[in-house]
Protein backbone atom coordinates (compact mmCIF):
# COMPACT_ATOMS: atom_id res chain seq x y z
CA MET A 1 55.35 -43.48 -142.64
CA THR A 2 52.43 -41.40 -143.71
CA ALA A 3 53.28 -38.23 -145.44
CA PRO A 4 52.43 -35.09 -143.64
CA ARG A 5 49.15 -33.60 -144.55
CA PRO A 6 49.14 -30.41 -146.43
CA GLU A 7 48.48 -27.28 -144.39
CA ASP A 8 46.42 -24.36 -145.43
CA ASP A 9 47.31 -20.77 -145.08
CA THR A 10 45.92 -20.50 -141.52
CA GLY A 11 48.21 -23.27 -140.16
CA LEU A 12 45.34 -25.76 -139.28
CA GLN A 13 45.30 -29.32 -140.65
CA GLY A 14 42.52 -31.25 -142.46
CA PRO A 15 39.39 -31.79 -140.32
CA TYR A 16 40.48 -29.16 -137.70
CA GLU A 17 40.29 -26.40 -140.17
CA GLN A 18 38.40 -23.33 -138.95
CA GLY A 19 34.75 -23.49 -139.85
CA ALA A 20 34.67 -27.26 -140.34
CA TYR A 21 31.28 -27.49 -138.47
CA GLY A 22 29.72 -24.61 -140.15
CA ALA A 23 28.71 -21.36 -138.57
CA ASP A 24 29.40 -20.28 -135.00
CA GLY A 25 27.52 -22.43 -132.44
CA ALA A 26 27.13 -25.47 -134.66
CA PHE A 27 29.48 -27.50 -132.47
CA VAL A 28 27.52 -26.69 -129.31
CA ALA A 29 24.28 -27.64 -131.03
CA ALA A 30 25.76 -30.96 -132.12
CA VAL A 31 26.90 -31.76 -128.57
CA GLU A 32 23.54 -30.91 -127.11
CA GLY A 33 21.86 -33.18 -129.61
CA LEU A 34 23.71 -36.13 -128.06
CA ALA A 35 22.10 -35.67 -124.61
CA ASP A 36 20.11 -38.46 -122.90
CA PRO A 37 16.51 -38.45 -124.20
CA LEU A 38 15.23 -39.11 -120.65
CA ASN A 39 16.88 -35.93 -119.41
CA ASP A 40 16.02 -33.80 -122.43
CA PRO A 41 14.03 -30.72 -121.52
CA LEU A 42 10.50 -30.24 -122.62
CA PRO A 43 9.83 -28.22 -125.71
CA GLU A 44 10.68 -24.56 -125.39
CA GLN A 45 12.66 -25.26 -122.18
CA HIS A 46 16.38 -25.44 -121.42
CA THR A 47 18.49 -27.46 -119.03
CA SER A 48 20.74 -24.60 -118.01
CA PRO A 49 19.60 -22.94 -114.76
CA TRP A 50 20.86 -19.66 -116.11
CA PHE A 51 19.17 -19.98 -119.48
CA ARG A 52 18.29 -16.70 -121.09
CA SER A 53 15.71 -16.65 -123.80
CA ASP A 54 16.35 -14.66 -126.89
CA THR A 55 13.25 -12.62 -126.24
CA ALA A 56 13.40 -12.15 -122.40
CA GLN A 57 11.64 -9.08 -121.21
CA ASP A 58 13.44 -6.40 -119.37
CA ASP A 59 12.13 -4.46 -116.41
CA THR A 60 10.00 -2.30 -118.67
CA GLY A 61 8.17 -5.30 -120.14
CA THR A 62 9.41 -4.88 -123.72
CA GLY A 63 11.05 -7.76 -125.59
CA VAL A 64 14.76 -7.32 -126.07
CA SER A 65 17.03 -9.75 -127.84
CA GLN A 66 19.66 -11.18 -125.57
CA ASP A 67 22.16 -11.11 -128.39
CA ALA A 68 21.94 -7.36 -128.55
CA ALA A 69 25.21 -5.87 -127.52
CA PRO A 70 25.42 -3.35 -124.66
CA VAL A 71 25.87 0.30 -125.30
CA ASP A 72 29.61 0.05 -125.11
CA GLY A 73 29.57 -2.68 -127.78
CA ALA A 74 30.63 -5.61 -125.54
CA ARG A 75 28.51 -8.52 -124.30
CA PRO A 76 28.16 -8.78 -120.47
CA GLN A 77 30.81 -11.00 -119.01
CA ALA A 78 30.28 -13.98 -116.73
CA TYR A 79 30.51 -13.60 -112.94
CA GLY A 80 34.18 -13.30 -112.15
CA GLY A 81 35.25 -14.56 -115.68
CA PRO A 82 36.62 -13.05 -118.90
CA GLU A 83 34.55 -11.42 -121.49
CA GLN A 84 32.85 -13.73 -123.99
CA PRO A 85 33.26 -13.26 -127.70
CA GLN A 86 30.52 -12.00 -129.90
CA GLY A 87 29.64 -15.49 -131.19
CA ALA A 88 29.28 -17.21 -127.73
CA PRO A 89 25.98 -18.95 -126.76
CA ASN A 90 23.20 -16.80 -125.30
CA GLU A 91 23.62 -17.74 -121.58
CA TRP A 92 25.87 -16.49 -118.81
CA TYR A 93 25.82 -16.03 -115.05
CA ASP A 94 23.21 -13.35 -114.59
CA PRO A 95 21.54 -13.51 -111.10
CA GLU A 96 19.38 -10.48 -111.74
CA GLY A 97 18.05 -11.92 -114.98
CA TYR A 98 17.41 -15.28 -113.29
CA ARG A 99 15.42 -13.66 -110.54
CA ARG A 100 13.47 -11.59 -113.08
CA ASP A 101 12.60 -14.70 -115.10
CA TRP A 102 11.29 -16.52 -112.00
CA TYR A 103 9.49 -13.74 -110.16
CA GLY A 104 8.70 -11.28 -112.90
CA ALA A 105 9.39 -7.59 -112.86
CA GLN A 106 10.38 -6.21 -109.48
CA GLN A 107 8.72 -3.14 -108.11
CA ALA A 108 10.64 -0.61 -106.13
CA PRO A 109 9.57 -0.52 -102.46
CA ALA A 110 7.29 2.32 -101.59
CA PRO A 111 8.94 5.04 -99.57
CA VAL A 112 8.24 4.85 -95.84
CA PRO A 113 6.56 8.02 -94.66
CA ALA A 114 8.14 9.77 -91.72
CA ALA A 115 6.56 9.59 -88.29
CA VAL A 116 4.00 12.30 -87.70
CA PRO A 117 5.08 14.45 -84.72
CA ALA A 118 2.71 14.78 -81.78
CA PRO A 119 0.65 17.99 -81.55
CA ALA A 120 2.01 20.68 -79.30
CA PRO A 121 -0.81 20.77 -76.68
CA ASP A 122 -0.45 17.07 -75.82
CA PRO A 123 2.28 16.69 -73.10
CA GLY A 124 2.97 13.04 -73.98
CA PRO A 125 4.90 12.11 -77.11
CA ARG A 126 3.05 10.30 -79.86
CA ARG A 127 4.58 7.40 -81.70
CA VAL A 128 3.28 6.23 -85.05
CA THR A 129 4.17 2.80 -86.33
CA VAL A 130 4.17 2.52 -90.14
CA THR A 131 4.22 -0.84 -91.89
CA PRO A 132 5.62 -0.72 -95.45
CA PRO A 133 3.46 -2.22 -98.20
CA VAL A 134 4.13 -5.84 -99.05
CA PRO A 135 5.00 -6.46 -102.73
CA ASP A 136 2.46 -8.37 -104.81
CA GLU A 137 4.45 -11.59 -105.07
CA THR A 138 4.89 -14.99 -103.44
CA LEU A 139 5.42 -14.28 -99.71
CA GLY A 140 6.74 -17.76 -99.00
CA LEU A 141 9.81 -17.08 -101.24
CA ARG A 142 10.60 -13.58 -100.02
CA THR A 143 10.92 -14.04 -96.27
CA ALA A 144 13.21 -11.03 -96.02
CA ASP A 145 10.36 -8.72 -97.08
CA THR A 146 7.85 -10.01 -94.50
CA ARG A 147 9.55 -8.34 -91.54
CA ARG A 148 7.52 -5.80 -89.65
CA ILE A 149 8.57 -2.73 -87.81
CA VAL A 150 8.12 -3.34 -84.10
CA ALA A 151 8.01 -0.24 -81.94
CA GLU A 152 9.84 -0.46 -78.64
CA PRO A 153 8.21 0.74 -75.36
CA HIS A 154 9.84 4.17 -75.55
CA GLY A 155 9.66 4.66 -79.31
CA ARG A 156 13.11 3.28 -79.99
CA SER A 157 13.81 0.92 -82.86
CA GLY A 158 17.04 -0.36 -84.29
CA PRO A 159 18.35 -2.50 -87.12
CA PRO A 160 18.55 -6.27 -86.69
CA GLU A 161 21.74 -7.68 -85.29
CA GLY A 162 24.14 -9.09 -87.85
CA PRO A 163 24.81 -8.15 -91.47
CA ALA A 164 21.97 -7.25 -93.79
CA PRO A 165 20.90 -9.81 -96.46
CA ALA A 166 22.90 -9.56 -99.65
CA GLU A 167 19.93 -9.85 -102.00
CA ARG A 168 18.19 -6.76 -100.64
CA SER A 169 19.01 -3.67 -102.59
CA GLU A 170 16.86 -1.38 -100.39
CA PRO A 171 18.15 -0.11 -97.03
CA ALA A 172 17.51 -2.36 -94.03
CA GLU A 173 14.38 -1.44 -92.11
CA ALA A 174 14.50 -0.95 -88.35
CA PHE A 175 12.96 -3.81 -86.45
CA GLU A 176 13.26 -5.79 -83.25
CA PRO A 177 12.20 -9.45 -83.20
CA PRO A 178 9.89 -10.36 -80.33
CA ARG A 179 11.78 -11.81 -77.36
CA ARG A 180 8.91 -13.88 -76.05
CA SER A 181 5.99 -15.73 -77.39
CA GLU A 182 3.65 -13.13 -75.95
CA PRO A 183 1.72 -10.98 -78.42
CA ALA A 184 3.33 -7.69 -79.29
CA ALA A 185 1.97 -4.73 -77.33
CA GLU A 186 -0.18 -2.29 -79.22
CA PRO A 187 1.42 1.10 -79.78
CA VAL A 188 0.36 3.75 -77.29
CA THR A 189 -0.73 6.93 -78.99
CA GLY A 190 -2.84 8.60 -76.25
CA GLY A 191 -1.99 10.87 -73.35
CA ARG A 192 -0.35 10.17 -70.02
CA ALA A 193 -3.32 8.28 -68.52
CA GLU A 194 -3.55 5.96 -71.53
CA ARG A 195 0.19 5.27 -71.40
CA ARG A 196 -0.12 4.39 -67.70
CA ARG A 197 -2.91 1.91 -68.38
CA ALA A 198 -0.91 0.35 -71.19
CA ALA A 199 2.17 0.03 -68.95
CA LYS A 200 0.13 -1.70 -66.23
CA GLY A 201 -1.27 -4.29 -68.60
CA ARG A 202 1.98 -4.93 -70.48
CA GLY A 203 3.39 -7.51 -68.03
CA ARG A 204 0.19 -9.42 -67.43
CA ARG A 205 -0.25 -12.90 -68.75
CA PRO A 206 -3.22 -13.65 -70.96
CA ALA A 207 -6.13 -15.26 -69.17
CA PRO A 208 -6.26 -19.02 -69.68
CA ALA A 209 -8.94 -20.34 -71.94
CA SER A 210 -11.96 -21.60 -70.08
CA ALA A 211 -12.13 -25.35 -69.89
CA ALA A 212 -14.83 -27.11 -71.76
CA PRO A 213 -17.80 -28.06 -69.57
CA ALA A 214 -17.56 -31.61 -68.35
CA ALA A 215 -20.14 -34.13 -69.31
CA PRO A 216 -22.91 -34.61 -66.71
CA LEU A 217 -22.39 -37.51 -64.35
CA SER A 218 -24.79 -40.39 -64.10
CA ARG A 219 -26.71 -41.01 -60.89
CA MET A 220 -24.37 -43.82 -59.84
CA GLU A 221 -21.28 -41.73 -60.55
CA ALA A 222 -22.74 -38.79 -58.64
CA ARG A 223 -23.38 -41.01 -55.60
CA ARG A 224 -19.85 -42.38 -55.71
CA ALA A 225 -18.39 -38.87 -56.01
CA ALA A 226 -20.49 -37.65 -53.06
CA LYS A 227 -19.44 -40.66 -50.99
CA ALA A 228 -15.77 -40.09 -51.82
CA ALA A 229 -16.07 -36.41 -50.87
CA LYS A 230 -17.30 -37.28 -47.37
CA ASP A 231 -14.73 -37.55 -44.59
CA SER A 232 -14.02 -40.93 -43.11
CA PRO A 233 -15.00 -41.67 -39.46
CA ALA A 234 -11.34 -41.54 -38.44
CA VAL A 235 -10.96 -38.05 -39.84
CA VAL A 236 -14.14 -36.88 -38.13
CA ALA A 237 -13.03 -38.42 -34.81
CA SER A 238 -9.61 -36.81 -35.01
CA ARG A 239 -11.22 -33.44 -35.66
CA VAL A 240 -13.54 -33.82 -32.68
CA VAL A 241 -10.68 -34.84 -30.40
CA GLY A 242 -8.60 -31.93 -31.61
CA GLU A 243 -11.41 -29.46 -30.99
CA VAL A 244 -11.96 -30.90 -27.49
CA PHE A 245 -8.29 -30.54 -26.60
CA ILE A 246 -8.19 -27.00 -27.95
CA SER A 247 -11.28 -26.10 -25.90
CA LEU A 248 -9.80 -27.66 -22.76
CA GLY A 249 -6.55 -25.80 -23.30
CA VAL A 250 -8.36 -22.49 -23.64
CA LEU A 251 -10.43 -23.20 -20.53
CA MET A 252 -7.36 -24.14 -18.49
CA LEU A 253 -5.58 -21.01 -19.62
CA LEU A 254 -8.56 -18.92 -18.55
CA PHE A 255 -8.74 -20.73 -15.21
CA VAL A 256 -5.04 -20.20 -14.49
CA THR A 257 -5.39 -16.52 -15.38
CA TYR A 258 -8.36 -16.25 -13.04
CA GLN A 259 -6.61 -18.02 -10.18
CA LEU A 260 -3.22 -16.34 -10.36
CA TRP A 261 -4.27 -12.85 -11.31
CA TRP A 262 -7.94 -12.02 -11.04
CA THR A 263 -8.46 -13.57 -7.56
CA ASN A 264 -5.64 -11.44 -6.20
CA VAL A 265 -7.14 -8.31 -7.70
CA ARG A 266 -10.57 -9.01 -6.24
CA ALA A 267 -9.22 -10.10 -2.81
CA GLU A 268 -7.08 -7.01 -2.43
CA GLN A 269 -10.06 -4.80 -3.22
CA ILE A 270 -12.24 -6.58 -0.66
CA ALA A 271 -9.49 -6.61 2.00
CA GLY A 272 -8.89 -2.88 1.47
CA ARG A 273 -12.58 -2.07 1.90
CA GLU A 274 -12.73 -4.26 5.05
CA THR A 275 -9.74 -2.46 6.56
CA ASP A 276 -11.38 0.92 5.99
CA LYS A 277 -14.60 -0.39 7.54
CA ILE A 278 -12.80 -1.60 10.67
CA GLN A 279 -11.03 1.75 11.14
CA GLU A 280 -14.33 3.63 10.73
CA GLU A 281 -15.98 1.47 13.42
CA TRP A 282 -13.10 2.16 15.77
CA ALA A 283 -13.49 5.85 15.19
CA LYS A 284 -17.18 5.58 16.16
CA GLY A 285 -16.34 3.59 19.33
CA ALA A 286 -17.62 0.25 18.11
CA GLY A 287 -15.72 -3.07 17.99
CA LYS A 288 -15.08 -3.57 21.73
CA PRO A 289 -13.04 -6.67 22.60
CA GLY A 290 -15.24 -9.71 23.00
CA VAL A 291 -16.87 -12.39 20.90
CA PHE A 292 -17.22 -11.59 17.19
CA ALA A 293 -19.48 -13.11 14.60
CA PRO A 294 -17.94 -15.40 11.95
CA GLY A 295 -16.55 -13.31 9.14
CA GLN A 296 -16.53 -10.10 11.18
CA GLY A 297 -13.30 -8.14 11.11
CA PHE A 298 -11.93 -7.02 14.47
CA ALA A 299 -8.13 -6.41 14.05
CA ILE A 300 -5.40 -5.46 11.58
CA MET A 301 -2.02 -7.25 11.22
CA HIS A 302 1.15 -5.40 10.12
CA ILE A 303 4.27 -7.23 8.90
CA PRO A 304 6.74 -4.40 8.10
CA LYS A 305 9.37 -6.68 6.51
CA LEU A 306 6.85 -8.05 3.98
CA ASP A 307 4.97 -4.74 3.59
CA VAL A 308 1.75 -6.50 4.55
CA VAL A 309 -1.31 -4.76 6.03
CA VAL A 310 -4.29 -7.17 6.18
CA PRO A 311 -7.49 -7.33 8.23
CA ILE A 312 -8.21 -10.20 10.64
CA ALA A 313 -11.72 -11.69 10.76
CA GLU A 314 -13.32 -14.24 13.03
CA GLY A 315 -13.22 -17.84 11.77
CA ILE A 316 -11.27 -19.65 9.05
CA ASN A 317 -14.12 -20.12 6.58
CA LYS A 318 -12.67 -20.26 3.08
CA GLU A 319 -15.41 -18.43 1.21
CA LYS A 320 -16.32 -15.84 3.84
CA VAL A 321 -12.85 -15.03 5.14
CA LEU A 322 -9.77 -16.52 3.48
CA ASP A 323 -10.85 -16.18 -0.17
CA ARG A 324 -11.69 -12.52 0.46
CA GLY A 325 -8.03 -11.75 1.17
CA MET A 326 -8.33 -11.60 4.99
CA LEU A 327 -6.69 -13.61 7.79
CA GLY A 328 -8.90 -15.99 9.80
CA HIS A 329 -8.70 -16.37 13.58
CA TYR A 330 -8.98 -19.89 14.96
CA GLY A 331 -11.92 -19.20 17.33
CA GLU A 332 -14.42 -22.00 16.85
CA GLY A 333 -14.79 -25.42 18.45
CA LYS A 334 -11.70 -27.46 19.14
CA LEU A 335 -9.60 -24.97 17.20
CA LYS A 336 -10.50 -22.05 19.44
CA THR A 337 -7.43 -19.97 20.46
CA ALA A 338 -6.79 -16.91 22.62
CA MET A 339 -7.24 -13.24 21.67
CA PRO A 340 -4.37 -10.71 21.66
CA GLU A 341 -5.66 -8.94 24.81
CA ASP A 342 -5.71 -12.21 26.84
CA LYS A 343 -3.06 -12.36 29.53
CA GLN A 344 -1.84 -15.71 28.28
CA GLY A 345 -2.54 -18.08 25.46
CA ASN A 346 -1.76 -18.57 21.75
CA PHE A 347 -3.27 -16.18 19.17
CA ALA A 348 -3.36 -18.31 15.97
CA VAL A 349 -4.42 -17.11 12.50
CA ALA A 350 -4.47 -18.65 8.98
CA GLY A 351 -4.06 -17.11 5.52
CA HIS A 352 -3.49 -17.95 1.84
CA ARG A 353 0.06 -18.26 0.55
CA ASN A 354 -0.98 -18.19 -3.09
CA THR A 355 -3.98 -16.61 -4.85
CA HIS A 356 -6.84 -14.69 -3.23
CA GLY A 357 -4.64 -11.87 -2.07
CA GLU A 358 -1.84 -14.25 -0.87
CA PRO A 359 -1.01 -12.30 2.35
CA PHE A 360 1.39 -15.03 3.57
CA ARG A 361 3.18 -15.48 0.21
CA TYR A 362 6.64 -14.71 1.63
CA VAL A 363 6.07 -15.56 5.28
CA ASN A 364 8.80 -18.21 5.03
CA THR A 365 11.39 -15.43 4.60
CA LEU A 366 10.88 -14.10 8.13
CA THR A 367 13.81 -14.50 10.51
CA PRO A 368 13.94 -14.52 14.33
CA GLY A 369 13.49 -11.02 15.70
CA ASP A 370 11.36 -9.66 12.83
CA PRO A 371 8.42 -7.66 14.30
CA ILE A 372 4.76 -8.57 13.72
CA VAL A 373 2.19 -6.03 15.03
CA VAL A 374 -1.51 -6.74 15.70
CA GLU A 375 -3.60 -3.57 15.88
CA THR A 376 -6.96 -3.56 17.79
CA ARG A 377 -9.38 -0.81 18.78
CA ASP A 378 -7.58 -0.14 22.08
CA ALA A 379 -3.91 -1.14 21.66
CA TYR A 380 -0.94 -2.27 19.53
CA TYR A 381 0.47 -5.73 20.32
CA THR A 382 4.02 -6.33 19.07
CA TYR A 383 5.39 -9.86 18.58
CA GLU A 384 8.85 -11.01 17.58
CA MET A 385 9.31 -14.00 15.28
CA THR A 386 11.06 -16.84 17.14
CA SER A 387 10.90 -20.11 15.09
CA VAL A 388 9.43 -21.80 12.02
CA LEU A 389 8.20 -25.28 11.16
CA PRO A 390 8.75 -25.70 7.40
CA GLN A 391 6.30 -28.56 6.90
CA THR A 392 3.66 -30.45 8.85
CA SER A 393 0.42 -32.31 8.29
CA PRO A 394 -2.81 -30.31 7.97
CA SER A 395 -4.28 -32.45 10.76
CA ASN A 396 -1.57 -31.49 13.25
CA ILE A 397 -3.50 -29.16 15.53
CA SER A 398 -0.90 -29.27 18.29
CA VAL A 399 0.90 -26.35 16.64
CA ILE A 400 -1.93 -24.00 17.76
CA GLU A 401 -2.23 -25.21 21.38
CA PRO A 402 -1.70 -22.68 24.22
CA VAL A 403 1.88 -23.92 24.43
CA PRO A 404 2.59 -24.91 20.81
CA VAL A 405 4.32 -28.22 20.28
CA GLY A 406 7.57 -27.85 18.40
CA SER A 407 7.78 -24.06 18.89
CA GLY A 408 10.45 -24.26 21.57
CA PHE A 409 8.18 -22.73 24.23
CA ASP A 410 8.02 -24.77 27.46
CA LYS A 411 5.65 -22.71 29.60
CA PRO A 412 2.48 -20.66 29.15
CA GLY A 413 2.80 -17.19 27.71
CA ARG A 414 1.41 -14.77 25.12
CA TYR A 415 2.24 -16.35 21.79
CA LEU A 416 1.45 -15.85 18.08
CA THR A 417 1.04 -18.63 15.46
CA LEU A 418 0.81 -18.10 11.67
CA THR A 419 -0.31 -21.05 9.49
CA THR A 420 -0.36 -21.32 5.68
CA CYS A 421 -0.14 -23.93 2.89
CA THR A 422 3.07 -25.39 1.49
CA PRO A 423 4.55 -26.06 -1.07
CA GLU A 424 3.40 -23.06 -3.09
CA PHE A 425 0.27 -23.48 -5.22
CA THR A 426 -0.67 -26.61 -3.26
CA SER A 427 -2.40 -27.42 0.05
CA THR A 428 -0.62 -30.69 0.79
CA TYR A 429 1.18 -29.53 3.93
CA ARG A 430 1.23 -26.61 6.36
CA LEU A 431 3.96 -24.07 7.11
CA ILE A 432 4.04 -22.79 10.71
CA VAL A 433 5.65 -19.57 12.04
CA TRP A 434 5.72 -18.75 15.78
CA GLY A 435 6.24 -15.50 17.64
CA LYS A 436 6.25 -14.12 21.20
CA MET A 437 4.70 -10.88 22.44
CA VAL A 438 7.31 -8.31 23.44
CA ASP A 439 5.28 -5.08 23.69
CA GLU A 440 1.72 -3.88 24.37
CA ARG A 441 1.02 -0.16 23.66
CA PRO A 442 -2.31 1.62 24.06
CA ARG A 443 -3.47 3.52 21.00
CA SER A 444 -3.39 6.74 23.02
CA GLU A 445 0.40 6.47 23.20
CA GLY A 446 0.76 6.29 19.45
CA LYS A 447 2.17 3.70 17.13
CA PRO A 448 4.94 1.38 18.26
CA LYS A 449 8.49 1.80 17.12
CA ALA A 450 8.13 -1.10 14.58
CA LEU A 451 5.50 0.85 12.63
CA VAL A 452 7.07 4.30 12.96
CA GLY A 453 10.58 3.43 11.91
């Protein structure tokens, strides 16, 4: 067993005696000398990120030894650690010193001037946007200092959402990050009219950049483009057919309007003038019973149930009589019939059921016993409706004979026959209405009871 080593007065043994490696810091220097040569720092550099040179400059630019003790006589302590003794190495956790070594001396931010109030005469408020000066340093490393003050539409501004950065010692400036990619609106500093113009243009999108002019086409390419722009024959044909159908539709619409409306208006005007003319001739003593010229009016028919008052002219010519809104008397050739004043015979007339005044439009609604009055220059002849033939051929002329076939009359007498077209708006068949005279009254005795009541 080895004898215990002698101890000195301090209680430490042999090689562990205090001061075995010389002065303070000799041990650290020996350890650092054993570092890897490939990782050794360059001359006058240090591996510690928080290295503090012995002659680092303070904020004033004067060299101050880092070993100098503070005013209170104690060396600054590490971040969150115990104080270091007087003989500790010259490095510790000093963020402010690290930042000063990398960026140089920091300048205090210039004070932001207050907004200048608007002059009293101007009714609109003025807003002044002030941008603080940017420090003379690397802008890529100080992103927190590149923020700008953005004025809101109504002069409001507020601090950014979230906590302020920890490294900024100055108060947080009011700003609002842009919400869109649109350029920020210029501050409005003018009067009310200028603010209105600025408000109108605030929501508009920027005009798109004009496209670069295309290269000119060659002659062959121009011909091909012109040929492609032309419509094909099928397209042209379809357009022509469509235009033709549209034109035909418009023409048919105009024709229907003319037939169903305008012909009635014109026929009623002509029939009314003809009625007045007949009554004037009677007042002058003209229009004696006898033979009348084709188209000449000689009588007036009254149908009280249908509220019809229409003149009767000689003949059944379509253009001269029927289309003018009058009734035509069968008085020519084989279709010649008796007159109202004849002592016996069949007084037959024709009229339109549709268009051109349509005097017989509702003649099919007459019932037996309904009065029909024929007025002449000398007398009123009253007939009573007796029967109706709903449909017959246009060539059936037996319905207008002196004793009409199918009327129910079996002997000669004084009869009335009304003929018109059926069905409505066609001339395929004929509708026949018959009547029998029941009263003859001279005009001197006044109107018959059918017209008075």
